[in-house]
Amino acid sequence: MKWDKKDGYRVISLRTDAIYRPREALEEDVFAYIRECRQNEVGFSVTDKQEQYPDFSNCGIFWLSPLDFDDFFEEC
């Protein structure tokens, strides 16, 4: 699934088959995986390992607007 939206002059392009990391370094490694895209929300989970097929069985889903997600995360 891919989510594209023009926000003013900025185009936000998010994909569920990509791995994301914070734009600014944190104390610990964090990787975000988009699990669901709705019209105005991005549902994602985070892990401390970069994996092609992470196990989300014990992970919650966080919800942000696509703009907020794109402000905080970038594709690896």
Protein backbone atom coordinates (compact mmCIF):
# COMPACT_ATOMS: atom_id res chain seq x y z
CA MET A 1 0.00 0.00 0.00
CA LYS A 2 1.27 3.47 -0.82
CA TRP A 3 -0.02 6.79 0.49
CA ASP A 4 0.72 9.98 -1.46
CA LYS A 5 -0.61 13.40 -0.67
CA LYS A 6 0.33 16.94 -1.58
CA ASP A 7 0.52 19.08 1.54
CA GLY A 8 1.03 22.62 0.33
CA TYR A 9 4.25 22.38 -1.63
CA ARG A 10 5.36 19.09 -0.12
CA VAL A 11 4.54 15.63 -1.42
CA ILE A 12 4.42 12.94 1.25
CA SER A 13 4.99 9.40 -0.01
CA LEU A 14 4.72 6.57 2.51
CA ARG A 15 4.86 2.82 1.84
CA THR A 16 3.91 -0.19 3.94
CA ASP A 17 6.75 -2.23 2.41
CA ALA A 18 9.48 0.15 3.64
CA ILE A 19 11.45 0.45 6.87
CA TYR A 20 11.71 3.87 8.50
CA ARG A 21 14.11 5.38 11.04
CA PRO A 22 13.94 8.66 12.99
CA ARG A 23 15.28 11.67 11.10
CA GLU A 24 17.26 12.64 14.19
CA ALA A 25 19.31 10.06 16.07
CA LEU A 26 17.90 8.74 19.34
CA GLU A 27 19.74 7.09 22.25
CA GLU A 28 18.63 3.66 21.03
CA ASP A 29 17.95 2.25 17.58
CA VAL A 30 14.31 2.52 16.54
CA PHE A 31 12.78 1.27 13.32
CA ALA A 32 9.21 1.99 12.27
CA TYR A 33 7.03 -0.19 10.07
CA ILE A 34 3.80 1.16 8.61
CA ARG A 35 1.08 -1.41 9.12
CA GLU A 36 -1.98 0.44 7.88
CA CYS A 37 -2.79 3.66 6.04
CA ARG A 38 -6.11 5.40 6.39
CA GLN A 39 -7.17 8.61 4.75
CA ASN A 40 -5.83 10.85 7.54
CA GLU A 41 -3.80 8.44 9.69
CA VAL A 42 -0.77 6.20 9.48
CA GLY A 43 -0.70 3.18 11.81
CA PHE A 44 2.79 1.96 12.61
CA SER A 45 4.76 -0.21 15.02
CA VAL A 46 8.34 0.20 16.18
CA THR A 47 11.08 -2.29 17.01
CA ASP A 48 14.73 -2.03 17.98
CA LYS A 49 15.85 -4.26 15.08
CA GLN A 50 15.80 -3.65 11.37
CA GLU A 51 14.21 -6.79 9.90
CA GLN A 52 12.61 -7.64 6.59
CA TYR A 53 9.76 -9.53 8.30
CA PRO A 54 9.45 -8.35 11.94
CA ASP A 55 7.28 -10.14 14.47
CA PHE A 56 4.51 -7.77 15.56
CA SER A 57 2.73 -10.24 17.84
CA ASN A 58 3.64 -8.20 20.96
CA CYS A 59 3.60 -4.74 19.35
CA GLY A 60 0.99 -2.05 19.61
CA ILE A 61 0.04 0.27 16.79
CA PHE A 62 0.66 4.01 17.08
CA TRP A 63 -1.36 6.44 14.96
CA LEU A 64 -0.11 9.74 13.53
CA SER A 65 -1.09 12.00 10.73
CA PRO A 66 0.96 11.33 7.59
CA LEU A 67 2.54 14.78 7.95
CA ASP A 68 3.66 14.10 11.54
CA PHE A 69 4.98 10.65 10.60
CA ASP A 70 6.94 12.14 7.69
CA ASP A 71 8.32 14.91 9.92
CA PHE A 72 9.72 12.36 12.39
CA PHE A 73 10.69 9.37 10.20
CA GLU A 74 12.57 8.84 6.96
CA GLU A 75 12.88 5.72 4.83
CA CYS A 76 16.02 3.63 5.47
